[in-house]
Structure formats: structure tokens, C-alpha cells
Amino acid sequence: MRAAREIIITGSVQGVGFRWTAKRIADSFGLDGWVRNNSDGSVSLAIEGDEADLDAFMERLDQTMGAYIARIESRDSKPGKNRDGFVILR
């Protein structure tokens, strides 16, 4: 079943390759969405795909970038907004 999440990640997540890592992981699971840096130093993501793949994405992101993450805020959103692959926004 297709699901979607909106996520805000805080910590030392800018300037460490976080967005590129998120893209690589999202692409490996065939997820759609985007990632961007926020002016407050956090990173926002919107991901969409199979529910199990979203969970696996979050697990792998934590495994690879967990040392930089202080907090993750995640909420479910309505699927259908992101259908064109995973992109890095400015």
C-alpha cells in the first residue's frame, strides 16, 4: 500500500552529505519525494512509496547518518504529491 511521510530532522545534519545520503537511500528503495536544508539548520524530507520501504528508508538513514541526528519528527501525509523520483531541493 502506498504511504507518505513528512519529516523534519534536527542535529548536525547540514554540511555532512545528509541530503545526498538521503537521496541515495531513497533511490535504492525506489521512493519518491524530496529533501532540502532549512534555514534553521534542520533538514526536511517528504517521502512516498510502499509503507515497508518507508520504514526501511528511515532505518537505513539512521544507520548511516544517526551520529548527526538529534531528533526526528515524522508525520503521515496523503500519498500522491510525489511521483517523479527523489530529488534534492535547495
C-alpha atoms as a PDB file:
ATOM      1  CA  MET A   1       0.000   0.000   0.000  1.00  0.00           C
ATOM      2  CA  ARG A   2       1.339   3.442  -0.921  1.00  0.00           C
ATOM      3  CA  ALA A   3       2.099   5.748   2.006  1.00  0.00           C
ATOM      4  CA  ALA A   4       3.698   9.156   2.505  1.00  0.00           C
ATOM      5  CA  ARG A   5       5.519  10.928   5.320  1.00  0.00           C
ATOM      6  CA  GLU A   6       6.744  14.434   6.015  1.00  0.00           C
ATOM      7  CA  ILE A   7       9.856  14.506   8.184  1.00  0.00           C
ATOM      8  CA  ILE A   8      11.963  17.149   9.905  1.00  0.00           C
ATOM      9  CA  ILE A   9      15.384  16.099  11.171  1.00  0.00           C
ATOM     10  CA  THR A  10      17.435  18.227  13.546  1.00  0.00           C
ATOM     11  CA  GLY A  11      21.008  17.930  14.718  1.00  0.00           C
ATOM     12  CA  SER A  12      24.262  18.481  12.847  1.00  0.00           C
ATOM     13  CA  VAL A  13      22.630  17.498   9.584  1.00  0.00           C
ATOM     14  CA  GLN A  14      23.874  20.201   7.220  1.00  0.00           C
ATOM     15  CA  GLY A  15      27.307  20.154   5.628  1.00  0.00           C
ATOM     16  CA  VAL A  16      27.789  16.414   6.197  1.00  0.00           C
ATOM     17  CA  GLY A  17      26.321  14.978   2.972  1.00  0.00           C
ATOM     18  CA  PHE A  18      22.968  14.297   4.589  1.00  0.00           C
ATOM     19  CA  ARG A  19      20.824  15.232   1.561  1.00  0.00           C
ATOM     20  CA  TRP A  20      22.945  13.180  -0.845  1.00  0.00           C
ATOM     21  CA  THR A  21      22.849  10.204   1.503  1.00  0.00           C
ATOM     22  CA  ALA A  22      19.058  10.505   1.828  1.00  0.00           C
ATOM     23  CA  LYS A  23      18.751  10.606  -1.976  1.00  0.00           C
ATOM     24  CA  ARG A  24      20.971   7.567  -2.441  1.00  0.00           C
ATOM     25  CA  ILE A  25      18.952   5.596   0.121  1.00  0.00           C
ATOM     26  CA  ALA A  26      15.585   6.748  -1.275  1.00  0.00           C
ATOM     27  CA  ASP A  27      16.681   5.808  -4.796  1.00  0.00           C
ATOM     28  CA  SER A  28      17.750   2.346  -3.601  1.00  0.00           C
ATOM     29  CA  PHE A  29      14.181   1.737  -2.366  1.00  0.00           C
ATOM     30  CA  GLY A  30      12.508   3.370  -5.380  1.00  0.00           C
ATOM     31  CA  LEU A  31      10.912   6.079  -3.224  1.00  0.00           C
ATOM     32  CA  ASP A  32       9.566   9.374  -4.499  1.00  0.00           C
ATOM     33  CA  GLY A  33       9.909  12.725  -2.775  1.00  0.00           C
ATOM     34  CA  TRP A  34      12.428  15.386  -1.894  1.00  0.00           C
ATOM     35  CA  VAL A  35      14.931  16.583   0.714  1.00  0.00           C
ATOM     36  CA  ARG A  36      16.061  20.138   1.493  1.00  0.00           C
ATOM     37  CA  ASN A  37      18.053  22.146   4.024  1.00  0.00           C
ATOM     38  CA  ASN A  38      16.083  24.568   6.181  1.00  0.00           C
ATOM     39  CA  SER A  39      17.307  27.980   7.322  1.00  0.00           C
ATOM     40  CA  ASP A  40      17.225  26.868  10.975  1.00  0.00           C
ATOM     41  CA  GLY A  41      19.833  24.140  10.346  1.00  0.00           C
ATOM     42  CA  SER A  42      17.350  21.269  10.116  1.00  0.00           C
ATOM     43  CA  VAL A  43      16.551  19.123   7.089  1.00  0.00           C
ATOM     44  CA  SER A  44      13.049  18.449   5.715  1.00  0.00           C
ATOM     45  CA  LEU A  45      12.049  15.382   3.737  1.00  0.00           C
ATOM     46  CA  ALA A  46       8.900  14.219   2.006  1.00  0.00           C
ATOM     47  CA  ILE A  47       8.955  10.536   1.063  1.00  0.00           C
ATOM     48  CA  GLU A  48       6.379   8.398  -0.642  1.00  0.00           C
ATOM     49  CA  GLY A  49       6.197   4.731  -1.557  1.00  0.00           C
ATOM     50  CA  ASP A  50       5.412   1.357  -0.056  1.00  0.00           C
ATOM     51  CA  GLU A  51       4.973   1.519   3.739  1.00  0.00           C
ATOM     52  CA  ALA A  52       7.630  -1.163   4.342  1.00  0.00           C
ATOM     53  CA  ASP A  53      10.092   0.731   2.126  1.00  0.00           C
ATOM     54  CA  LEU A  54       9.471   3.956   4.075  1.00  0.00           C
ATOM     55  CA  ASP A  55      10.300   2.112   7.298  1.00  0.00           C
ATOM     56  CA  ALA A  56      13.411   0.576   5.728  1.00  0.00           C
ATOM     57  CA  PHE A  57      14.472   4.017   4.439  1.00  0.00           C
ATOM     58  CA  MET A  58      14.235   5.518   7.924  1.00  0.00           C
ATOM     59  CA  GLU A  59      16.146   2.603   9.437  1.00  0.00           C
ATOM     60  CA  ARG A  60      18.967   2.846   6.891  1.00  0.00           C
ATOM     61  CA  LEU A  61      19.100   6.641   7.218  1.00  0.00           C
ATOM     62  CA  ASP A  62      19.511   6.232  10.973  1.00  0.00           C
ATOM     63  CA  GLN A  63      22.194   3.565  10.481  1.00  0.00           C
ATOM     64  CA  THR A  64      24.250   5.738   8.132  1.00  0.00           C
ATOM     65  CA  MET A  65      23.613   9.257   9.495  1.00  0.00           C
ATOM     66  CA  GLY A  66      22.463   8.604  13.055  1.00  0.00           C
ATOM     67  CA  ALA A  67      25.582  10.182  14.570  1.00  0.00           C
ATOM     68  CA  TYR A  68      24.431  13.545  13.157  1.00  0.00           C
ATOM     69  CA  ILE A  69      20.750  13.232  14.101  1.00  0.00           C
ATOM     70  CA  ALA A  70      19.455  14.710  17.352  1.00  0.00           C
ATOM     71  CA  ARG A  71      15.707  14.438  16.696  1.00  0.00           C
ATOM     72  CA  ILE A  72      13.291  13.156  14.060  1.00  0.00           C
ATOM     73  CA  GLU A  73       9.750  14.476  13.739  1.00  0.00           C
ATOM     74  CA  SER A  74       7.642  12.420  11.348  1.00  0.00           C
ATOM     75  CA  ARG A  75       4.002  12.551  10.400  1.00  0.00           C
ATOM     76  CA  ASP A  76       1.946  10.662   7.873  1.00  0.00           C
ATOM     77  CA  SER A  77       0.698  12.628   4.904  1.00  0.00           C
ATOM     78  CA  LYS A  78      -1.543  11.956   1.945  1.00  0.00           C
ATOM     79  CA  PRO A  79       0.136   9.977  -0.864  1.00  0.00           C
ATOM     80  CA  GLY A  80       0.041  11.295  -4.411  1.00  0.00           C
ATOM     81  CA  LYS A  81       2.037  14.521  -4.172  1.00  0.00           C
ATOM     82  CA  ASN A  82       5.394  12.997  -5.153  1.00  0.00           C
ATOM     83  CA  ARG A  83       5.607  10.685  -8.144  1.00  0.00           C
ATOM     84  CA  ASP A  84       8.725  11.739 -10.046  1.00  0.00           C
ATOM     85  CA  GLY A  85      11.587  10.106  -8.178  1.00  0.00           C
ATOM     86  CA  PHE A  86      13.533  11.586  -5.280  1.00  0.00           C
ATOM     87  CA  VAL A  87      15.156  14.999  -5.694  1.00  0.00           C
ATOM     88  CA  ILE A  88      17.349  17.339  -3.689  1.00  0.00           C
ATOM     89  CA  LEU A  89      15.863  20.805  -3.340  1.00  0.00           C
ATOM     90  CA  ARG A  90      17.802  23.925  -2.420  1.00  0.00           C
END
